[in-house]
Amino acid sequence: MEGLELLQELIRIPSVNPPGDGEGAVAELLRERLARVGLETEMLSSPAGRPSLVARLPGPPDRPPLVLLSHTDVVPVERERWRHDPFAGETIAGELWGRGTLDMKGVAVMHAEAVVALASRDREPDREVIVVAVADEEAGGGEGAGWLVAEHGDRVGFTDGRPLPEVLGEGGFGLSGVLARPLMPIILGEKAPLRFRARATGSPGHGALPPEHQAIRELARFIETVSGPRRAHLHPVMREQFRVLAEVADGVQARLFRLLAGSSGDLAVRALAPQLRARAGAIGHLIADSITPTEIHGGYKNNVVPGEAEVTFDARLLPDTDADGLLRELGRIGRRHHVEVEEIWRTGGPASPRSSLFDVLAAVSSRLPDNPVPVASLTPGATDLRFFRERGATAYGWVPLVLSPELLATFHGDDERIPVDGFARAVTAMTEVVTAAS
């Protein structure tokens, strides 16, 4: 299987980010595969020298181009915790092992093989298809998709006078073990990262004569007040998800999903939020915004009370959350604790509407083995799709591979691997989608 051999070669390139060495070699192998069947290919490098691949299969300009988006970098590994070499690309007991098999070199190969099949037909596709394999996703995408969309939007589907692109990327693996039938999410949007800093001031002094207003104590009170999940509410995509799940579940589960999808869903989700967070996996993180302290700094000697202390937070906001309103609220809370709140960085975009591409994804999903349930969803993690949504593109996360909870846990963890048979079926399903949508 040529796709499997290509994936093995990609796994053997340790394109760990940071620093991202090897991203260019991964992109070059993908470029060679696509160029052999006649695609127009180019490598575009960011100012920091991080290369990304753009390959084009021409088509009529009156329809939205179809963009297949993946990334070439992977997260670091702790080699001593892996049962097999994470960069050997070995096939063991029907599974291909290695960092990037799932996230996301395996998906890059699915995209490439689907377009190779499309390019091998005798006729031109009904629209342009663009394969984009970017650097730097695992460190925020500023040197990859973010830079491409901002500086070379015309290369990735944003051309004046043409419809905005439709984009297919990561975020939507199937999952078994939730209901009797597996679920196949089609990701319409994601929680948006908002990073902010809180700096507390107080009176400095001696540890033996502690002043009344202490920066660290005030900061600790602020952290305790704002951290954790916020008030639960249902985004429209999640309400639709619960409606679909109610139709395929039975017993207590069906009654629960009907309650959440109904007119009293917002009241129900607030009452059930602790149980959903404890028992419902990712769904528990998609019913509320969250604020998490990640770095804290304060003090310089163990018998000195410092006059300042600060903490940085990683907030993750549902697509309909007013980030400016949240920052104003945090500022009001901060003033009660002698704390100043300052935004560091934010990104995100609205959830995409359903289009004809969604219908194609749903139809192909329902024909996968074990008859999975296609369902619109959100994802708690950020992906490069957000850069396209911010520009108005319709963007979906979808990967036609149903994973067990055990395999899903290998994302960014130890022993990442992909079933060989499942990968082959996923290549076939991706090809079916790209062909039907083009």
Protein backbone atom coordinates (compact mmCIF):
# COMPACT_ATOMS: atom_id res chain seq x y z
CA MET A 1 0.00 0.00 0.00
CA GLU A 2 1.72 3.17 -1.23
CA GLY A 3 -0.01 5.39 1.31
CA LEU A 4 1.17 3.25 4.21
CA GLU A 5 4.74 3.26 2.94
CA LEU A 6 4.62 7.05 2.58
CA LEU A 7 3.32 7.38 6.13
CA GLN A 8 6.14 5.18 7.42
CA GLU A 9 8.67 7.45 5.71
CA LEU A 10 7.07 10.52 7.25
CA ILE A 11 7.08 8.99 10.74
CA ARG A 12 10.82 8.34 10.42
CA ILE A 13 11.41 12.09 10.12
CA PRO A 14 11.35 13.44 13.71
CA SER A 15 9.76 16.81 12.93
CA VAL A 16 9.32 17.69 16.61
CA ASN A 17 8.14 21.22 17.34
CA PRO A 18 9.90 22.99 18.94
CA PRO A 19 12.14 23.50 17.05
CA GLY A 20 10.42 22.07 13.97
CA ASP A 21 13.47 20.57 12.29
CA GLY A 22 12.27 18.05 9.74
CA GLU A 23 9.10 19.90 8.73
CA GLY A 24 10.64 20.67 5.34
CA ALA A 25 11.61 17.05 4.74
CA VAL A 26 8.07 15.90 5.53
CA ALA A 27 6.61 18.51 3.20
CA GLU A 28 9.07 17.54 0.46
CA LEU A 29 8.00 13.88 0.52
CA LEU A 30 4.37 14.92 0.25
CA ARG A 31 5.28 17.33 -2.56
CA GLU A 32 7.03 14.57 -4.52
CA ARG A 33 3.99 12.30 -4.22
CA LEU A 34 1.62 14.98 -5.50
CA ALA A 35 3.94 16.32 -8.21
CA ARG A 36 4.20 12.85 -9.76
CA VAL A 37 0.52 12.99 -10.74
CA GLY A 38 0.74 16.50 -12.15
CA LEU A 39 -0.23 18.82 -9.30
CA GLU A 40 1.30 22.29 -9.27
CA THR A 41 3.41 22.43 -6.09
CA GLU A 42 5.30 25.13 -4.24
CA MET A 43 7.07 25.45 -0.92
CA LEU A 44 6.47 28.71 0.92
CA SER A 45 8.73 29.61 3.86
CA SER A 46 7.83 31.99 6.67
CA PRO A 47 10.26 34.79 7.65
CA ALA A 48 11.69 32.39 10.24
CA GLY A 49 12.37 29.82 7.50
CA ARG A 50 9.54 27.38 8.33
CA PRO A 51 8.43 25.70 5.06
CA SER A 52 4.84 24.80 4.16
CA LEU A 53 3.59 22.94 1.10
CA VAL A 54 0.83 24.17 -1.20
CA ALA A 55 -0.21 21.87 -4.07
CA ARG A 56 -3.00 22.69 -6.52
CA LEU A 57 -5.23 20.64 -8.78
CA PRO A 58 -6.87 23.24 -11.07
CA GLY A 59 -10.63 23.51 -11.45
CA PRO A 60 -13.32 26.03 -12.40
CA PRO A 61 -13.14 29.30 -10.43
CA ASP A 62 -16.89 29.75 -9.92
CA ARG A 63 -17.10 27.31 -6.99
CA PRO A 64 -15.38 27.46 -3.59
CA PRO A 65 -11.98 25.81 -3.75
CA LEU A 66 -11.64 22.72 -1.57
CA VAL A 67 -8.65 23.01 0.79
CA LEU A 68 -7.26 19.88 2.48
CA LEU A 69 -5.30 21.13 5.49
CA SER A 70 -2.76 19.18 7.55
CA HIS A 71 0.44 19.92 9.46
CA THR A 72 3.92 18.45 9.26
CA ASP A 73 5.15 19.00 12.84
CA VAL A 74 4.62 16.75 15.86
CA VAL A 75 4.83 17.17 19.62
CA PRO A 76 7.83 15.93 21.64
CA VAL A 77 8.08 12.40 23.03
CA GLU A 78 9.39 10.82 26.22
CA ARG A 79 11.15 7.91 24.55
CA GLU A 80 11.58 5.88 27.74
CA ARG A 81 7.79 5.74 28.15
CA TRP A 82 7.12 4.25 24.69
CA ARG A 83 6.94 0.51 24.15
CA HIS A 84 8.38 0.92 20.63
CA ASP A 85 10.60 3.50 18.97
CA PRO A 86 8.37 6.55 18.23
CA PHE A 87 10.30 7.37 15.05
CA ALA A 88 10.92 3.92 13.59
CA GLY A 89 7.66 3.62 11.67
CA GLU A 90 7.29 -0.05 12.60
CA THR A 91 4.19 -2.12 11.91
CA ILE A 92 3.53 -4.38 14.89
CA ALA A 93 0.49 -6.65 15.32
CA GLY A 94 -1.48 -4.80 12.66
CA GLU A 95 -0.71 -1.29 13.94
CA LEU A 96 1.71 1.33 12.64
CA TRP A 97 3.53 2.90 15.58
CA GLY A 98 5.00 6.36 15.76
CA ARG A 99 4.61 9.98 16.67
CA GLY A 100 2.36 11.61 14.10
CA THR A 101 0.46 8.52 12.95
CA LEU A 102 -2.72 10.14 14.25
CA ASP A 103 -1.66 13.76 14.78
CA MET A 104 -1.35 14.41 11.94
CA LYS A 105 0.91 12.84 9.35
CA GLY A 106 -1.58 10.01 8.86
CA VAL A 107 -4.24 12.54 7.86
CA ALA A 108 -1.79 14.33 5.55
CA VAL A 109 -1.30 11.04 3.70
CA MET A 110 -5.07 10.47 3.53
CA HIS A 111 -5.40 13.89 1.88
CA ALA A 112 -2.53 13.24 -0.51
CA GLU A 113 -3.77 9.82 -1.59
CA ALA A 114 -7.30 11.13 -2.10
CA VAL A 115 -6.04 13.88 -4.42
CA VAL A 116 -3.74 11.47 -6.24
CA ALA A 117 -6.82 9.38 -7.04
CA LEU A 118 -8.73 12.48 -8.12
CA ALA A 119 -5.88 13.65 -10.36
CA SER A 120 -5.72 10.24 -12.01
CA ARG A 121 -9.20 10.60 -13.50
CA ASP A 122 -9.65 11.61 -17.13
CA ARG A 123 -11.62 14.79 -16.40
CA GLU A 124 -10.94 18.05 -14.57
CA PRO A 125 -12.53 18.37 -11.12
CA ASP A 126 -15.60 20.57 -10.72
CA ARG A 127 -13.59 22.94 -8.53
CA GLU A 128 -10.01 23.64 -7.58
CA VAL A 129 -8.53 21.36 -4.92
CA ILE A 130 -5.64 22.68 -2.82
CA VAL A 131 -3.52 20.46 -0.57
CA VAL A 132 -1.88 22.46 2.23
CA ALA A 133 0.61 20.87 4.66
CA VAL A 134 1.85 23.50 7.08
CA ALA A 135 4.59 23.93 9.64
CA ASP A 136 4.25 25.01 13.27
CA GLU A 137 0.71 23.92 14.15
CA GLU A 138 1.85 22.41 17.45
CA ALA A 139 3.27 25.76 18.59
CA GLY A 140 0.31 27.90 17.60
CA GLY A 141 0.55 28.09 13.80
CA GLY A 142 2.08 31.56 13.60
CA GLU A 143 4.81 30.33 11.25
CA GLY A 144 2.50 28.06 9.31
CA ALA A 145 -1.24 28.37 8.65
CA GLY A 146 -1.55 31.74 10.38
CA TRP A 147 1.24 33.21 8.26
CA LEU A 148 -0.04 31.63 5.04
CA VAL A 149 -3.58 32.92 5.47
CA ALA A 150 -2.36 36.40 6.41
CA GLU A 151 0.40 36.82 3.83
CA HIS A 152 -0.46 34.39 1.02
CA GLY A 153 -4.22 34.04 1.24
CA ASP A 154 -4.48 33.80 -2.54
CA ARG A 155 -2.40 30.60 -2.42
CA VAL A 156 -4.79 28.90 0.02
CA GLY A 157 -8.15 29.73 -1.50
CA PHE A 158 -8.78 33.40 -0.69
CA THR A 159 -8.85 34.95 -4.15
CA ASP A 160 -10.69 38.20 -4.90
CA GLY A 161 -13.83 37.66 -6.91
CA ARG A 162 -14.07 33.96 -6.08
CA PRO A 163 -16.19 32.18 -3.45
CA LEU A 164 -14.51 31.64 -0.10
CA PRO A 165 -12.90 28.22 0.34
CA GLU A 166 -14.25 25.15 2.05
CA VAL A 167 -11.59 23.56 4.24
CA LEU A 168 -11.22 20.04 5.60
CA GLY A 169 -8.78 19.45 8.44
CA GLU A 170 -8.23 17.77 11.79
CA GLY A 171 -10.31 17.48 14.94
CA GLY A 172 -12.96 14.92 14.08
CA PHE A 173 -11.88 11.33 14.71
CA GLY A 174 -14.61 8.82 15.37
CA LEU A 175 -15.00 7.43 18.87
CA SER A 176 -16.30 4.10 20.13
CA GLY A 177 -17.55 3.30 23.61
CA VAL A 178 -19.90 6.28 24.15
CA LEU A 179 -23.06 4.72 22.70
CA ALA A 180 -23.86 1.31 21.26
CA ARG A 181 -22.87 2.75 17.86
CA PRO A 182 -19.63 4.69 17.41
CA LEU A 183 -19.82 8.45 16.96
CA MET A 184 -18.30 10.22 13.95
CA PRO A 185 -18.05 13.93 14.80
CA ILE A 186 -17.94 16.54 12.07
CA ILE A 187 -16.29 19.51 13.75
CA LEU A 188 -17.88 22.85 12.89
CA GLY A 189 -15.97 24.99 15.38
CA GLU A 190 -13.65 25.00 18.35
CA LYS A 191 -13.08 26.70 21.65
CA ALA A 192 -11.04 29.84 21.13
CA PRO A 193 -7.87 30.39 23.17
CA LEU A 194 -7.62 33.63 25.13
CA ARG A 195 -4.39 34.21 27.04
CA PHE A 196 -4.29 36.91 29.69
CA ARG A 197 -2.08 38.04 32.54
CA ALA A 198 -3.11 39.14 36.04
CA ARG A 199 -0.68 41.22 38.07
CA ALA A 200 -1.25 41.83 41.78
CA THR A 201 0.32 44.62 43.80
CA GLY A 202 0.65 44.90 47.54
CA SER A 203 2.89 46.26 50.24
CA PRO A 204 6.39 44.78 50.38
CA GLY A 205 7.83 43.88 53.75
CA HIS A 206 9.60 41.47 56.06
CA GLY A 207 8.26 37.96 56.45
CA ALA A 208 8.31 38.41 60.22
CA LEU A 209 6.21 41.59 59.97
CA PRO A 210 3.82 40.78 57.12
CA PRO A 211 1.87 43.76 55.74
CA GLU A 212 -1.92 43.71 55.51
CA HIS A 213 -2.09 43.85 51.70
CA GLN A 214 0.18 41.19 50.20
CA ALA A 215 0.49 40.71 46.45
CA ILE A 216 0.70 36.91 46.56
CA ARG A 217 -2.32 36.58 48.84
CA GLU A 218 -4.38 38.93 46.68
CA LEU A 219 -3.32 37.03 43.57
CA ALA A 220 -4.24 33.71 45.17
CA ARG A 221 -7.73 35.02 45.96
CA PHE A 222 -8.13 36.19 42.37
CA ILE A 223 -6.98 32.83 40.99
CA GLU A 224 -9.44 30.98 43.20
CA THR A 225 -12.28 33.31 42.19
CA VAL A 226 -11.90 33.11 38.41
CA SER A 227 -10.39 29.68 37.71
CA GLY A 228 -12.26 26.63 36.51
CA PRO A 229 -15.32 26.08 34.34
CA ARG A 230 -17.69 29.00 34.02
CA ARG A 231 -21.46 28.89 33.93
CA ALA A 232 -22.60 26.08 31.64
CA HIS A 233 -24.58 26.90 28.52
CA LEU A 234 -25.43 25.17 25.25
CA HIS A 235 -23.93 26.36 22.00
CA PRO A 236 -26.35 25.67 19.11
CA VAL A 237 -24.00 23.05 17.67
CA MET A 238 -24.03 21.12 20.95
CA ARG A 239 -27.81 21.37 21.23
CA GLU A 240 -28.05 19.84 17.74
CA GLN A 241 -25.58 17.15 18.76
CA PHE A 242 -27.72 16.16 21.74
CA ARG A 243 -30.81 16.04 19.47
CA VAL A 244 -29.08 13.57 17.14
CA LEU A 245 -27.75 11.48 20.04
CA ALA A 246 -31.24 11.26 21.54
CA GLU A 247 -32.43 9.59 18.32
CA VAL A 248 -29.85 6.80 18.47
CA ALA A 249 -29.49 6.27 22.23
CA ASP A 250 -31.93 4.38 24.41
CA GLY A 251 -33.00 4.24 28.03
CA VAL A 252 -31.58 6.77 30.46
CA GLN A 253 -29.12 8.12 27.89
CA ALA A 254 -31.89 8.90 25.42
CA ARG A 255 -33.92 10.72 28.08
CA LEU A 256 -30.86 12.73 29.12
CA PHE A 257 -30.04 13.78 25.55
CA ARG A 258 -33.69 14.72 24.87
CA LEU A 259 -33.68 16.88 27.99
CA LEU A 260 -30.48 18.64 26.91
CA ALA A 261 -31.75 19.18 23.37
CA GLY A 262 -35.12 20.51 24.48
CA SER A 263 -36.41 23.95 25.34
CA SER A 264 -35.07 23.67 28.91
CA GLY A 265 -31.64 22.52 27.76
CA ASP A 266 -29.75 25.48 29.23
CA LEU A 267 -31.29 24.91 32.67
CA ALA A 268 -30.62 21.18 32.40
CA VAL A 269 -26.99 21.58 31.37
CA ARG A 270 -26.32 23.86 34.33
CA ALA A 271 -27.80 21.32 36.71
CA LEU A 272 -25.99 18.39 35.11
CA ALA A 273 -22.67 20.12 34.40
CA PRO A 274 -20.68 18.41 37.22
CA GLN A 275 -21.82 14.95 36.10
CA LEU A 276 -21.15 15.71 32.42
CA ARG A 277 -17.65 16.96 33.21
CA ALA A 278 -16.94 13.86 35.30
CA ARG A 279 -18.38 11.23 32.96
CA ALA A 280 -18.86 12.55 29.43
CA GLY A 281 -15.28 13.07 28.27
CA ALA A 282 -14.84 15.88 25.74
CA ILE A 283 -18.54 16.76 25.91
CA GLY A 284 -17.97 17.93 29.47
CA HIS A 285 -15.54 20.54 28.17
CA LEU A 286 -17.92 21.76 25.46
CA ILE A 287 -20.70 23.04 27.71
CA ALA A 288 -18.84 25.96 29.27
CA ASP A 289 -15.91 28.30 28.93
CA SER A 290 -12.92 27.52 31.13
CA ILE A 291 -10.15 29.57 32.73
CA THR A 292 -6.96 27.82 33.81
CA PRO A 293 -3.90 29.31 35.53
CA THR A 294 -0.76 28.08 33.80
CA GLU A 295 2.24 30.10 35.03
CA ILE A 296 2.77 31.98 38.28
CA HIS A 297 5.62 34.26 39.32
CA GLY A 298 6.17 36.08 42.60
CA GLY A 299 8.81 36.67 45.22
CA TYR A 300 12.57 36.53 45.21
CA LYS A 301 13.60 35.58 48.79
CA ASN A 302 11.93 33.39 51.36
CA ASN A 303 11.80 36.01 54.12
CA VAL A 304 10.72 38.94 51.93
CA VAL A 305 7.10 39.74 51.12
CA PRO A 306 7.15 40.89 47.44
CA GLY A 307 5.31 43.95 46.25
CA GLU A 308 4.19 42.27 43.01
CA ALA A 309 3.11 38.84 41.76
CA GLU A 310 1.59 37.70 38.50
CA VAL A 311 -0.08 34.76 36.86
CA THR A 312 -0.90 33.89 33.27
CA PHE A 313 -4.13 32.14 32.29
CA ASP A 314 -5.24 29.98 29.37
CA ALA A 315 -8.96 30.59 28.83
CA ARG A 316 -10.86 28.51 26.29
CA LEU A 317 -14.08 30.11 25.04
CA LEU A 318 -17.01 28.64 23.15
CA PRO A 319 -17.55 30.24 19.72
CA ASP A 320 -20.47 32.40 20.92
CA THR A 321 -18.70 33.83 23.97
CA ASP A 322 -18.03 37.59 24.09
CA ALA A 323 -14.30 37.70 24.87
CA ASP A 324 -14.32 41.46 25.43
CA GLY A 325 -17.17 41.11 27.89
CA LEU A 326 -15.30 38.39 29.75
CA LEU A 327 -12.19 40.58 30.03
CA ARG A 328 -14.28 43.46 31.41
CA GLU A 329 -15.76 41.11 34.01
CA LEU A 330 -12.31 39.84 34.99
CA GLY A 331 -11.11 43.43 35.28
CA ARG A 332 -13.94 44.22 37.72
CA ILE A 333 -13.08 41.17 39.82
CA GLY A 334 -9.39 42.10 39.69
CA ARG A 335 -9.97 45.57 41.07
CA ARG A 336 -11.47 44.05 44.21
CA HIS A 337 -8.17 42.20 44.75
CA HIS A 338 -5.69 44.91 43.74
CA VAL A 339 -5.14 42.94 40.53
CA GLU A 340 -4.73 44.35 37.04
CA VAL A 341 -5.83 42.16 34.11
CA GLU A 342 -4.09 42.44 30.74
CA GLU A 343 -4.86 40.53 27.55
CA ILE A 344 -1.86 38.79 26.01
CA TRP A 345 -3.27 37.11 22.91
CA ARG A 346 -6.43 35.71 21.43
CA THR A 347 -7.57 33.87 18.34
CA GLY A 348 -10.64 32.06 17.15
CA GLY A 349 -13.60 32.25 14.84
CA PRO A 350 -17.29 31.45 14.59
CA ALA A 351 -18.61 27.96 14.07
CA SER A 352 -19.07 27.13 10.40
CA PRO A 353 -22.54 26.65 8.91
CA ARG A 354 -23.60 23.36 7.39
CA SER A 355 -22.97 23.15 3.65
CA SER A 356 -23.20 20.53 0.94
CA LEU A 357 -19.72 19.38 2.01
CA PHE A 358 -21.14 18.61 5.46
CA ASP A 359 -23.77 16.43 3.81
CA VAL A 360 -21.07 14.53 1.89
CA LEU A 361 -19.10 13.97 5.10
CA ALA A 362 -22.20 12.72 6.90
CA ALA A 363 -23.11 10.33 4.09
CA VAL A 364 -19.61 8.83 3.89
CA SER A 365 -19.40 8.61 7.69
CA SER A 366 -22.57 6.57 7.90
CA ARG A 367 -21.11 3.99 5.50
CA LEU A 368 -17.98 3.32 7.56
CA PRO A 369 -17.64 -0.02 9.39
CA ASP A 370 -19.77 -0.42 12.54
CA ASN A 371 -22.27 2.13 11.20
CA PRO A 372 -21.09 5.23 13.14
CA VAL A 373 -23.44 8.12 13.88
CA PRO A 374 -22.44 11.32 12.05
CA VAL A 375 -22.95 14.26 14.38
CA ALA A 376 -22.09 17.96 14.23
CA SER A 377 -19.77 18.91 17.07
CA LEU A 378 -17.24 21.32 18.47
CA THR A 379 -13.75 20.52 19.75
CA PRO A 380 -12.12 21.81 22.95
CA GLY A 381 -8.68 22.10 21.34
CA ALA A 382 -7.49 24.75 18.89
CA THR A 383 -6.53 23.77 15.32
CA ASP A 384 -5.25 25.61 12.26
CA LEU A 385 -8.81 25.65 10.92
CA ARG A 386 -9.46 28.71 13.07
CA PHE A 387 -7.30 30.88 10.78
CA PHE A 388 -9.57 30.00 7.86
CA ARG A 389 -12.79 30.51 9.83
CA GLU A 390 -11.57 33.95 10.91
CA ARG A 391 -11.44 34.91 7.21
CA GLY A 392 -14.97 33.63 6.60
CA ALA A 393 -14.20 30.20 5.16
CA THR A 394 -16.34 27.18 5.98
CA ALA A 395 -14.05 24.71 7.74
CA TYR A 396 -14.73 21.23 9.08
CA GLY A 397 -12.64 18.83 11.12
CA TRP A 398 -13.18 15.25 10.00
CA VAL A 399 -11.06 12.11 9.93
CA PRO A 400 -12.82 8.86 8.88
CA LEU A 401 -11.25 6.62 11.49
CA VAL A 402 -13.05 5.30 14.56
CA LEU A 403 -10.75 5.03 17.57
CA SER A 404 -11.10 3.30 20.89
CA PRO A 405 -10.69 5.47 24.01
CA GLU A 406 -7.29 3.80 24.47
CA LEU A 407 -6.04 4.90 21.06
CA LEU A 408 -7.56 8.36 21.40
CA ALA A 409 -5.54 8.82 24.60
CA THR A 410 -2.29 8.46 22.62
CA PHE A 411 -2.79 11.90 21.05
CA HIS A 412 0.13 13.94 22.44
CA GLY A 413 0.77 10.95 24.72
CA ASP A 414 2.75 7.73 24.69
CA ASP A 415 2.49 4.84 22.21
CA GLU A 416 0.71 6.76 19.43
CA ARG A 417 -0.26 4.36 16.66
CA ILE A 418 -2.83 3.72 13.95
CA PRO A 419 -4.47 0.43 12.94
CA VAL A 420 -3.27 -0.49 9.44
CA ASP A 421 -6.66 -1.78 8.29
CA GLY A 422 -8.38 1.30 9.70
CA PHE A 423 -5.90 3.56 7.94
CA ALA A 424 -6.57 1.83 4.61
CA ARG A 425 -10.32 2.24 5.06
CA ALA A 426 -9.80 5.89 6.01
CA VAL A 427 -7.84 6.54 2.80
CA THR A 428 -10.72 5.01 0.83
CA ALA A 429 -13.31 7.12 2.69
CA MET A 430 -11.27 10.32 2.28
CA THR A 431 -10.97 9.59 -1.43
CA GLU A 432 -14.73 9.09 -1.64
CA VAL A 433 -15.32 12.47 0.04
CA VAL A 434 -12.84 14.38 -2.11
CA THR A 435 -14.19 12.79 -5.28
CA ALA A 436 -17.83 13.46 -4.38
CA ALA A 437 -17.05 17.04 -3.31
CA SER A 438 -14.99 17.83 -6.41
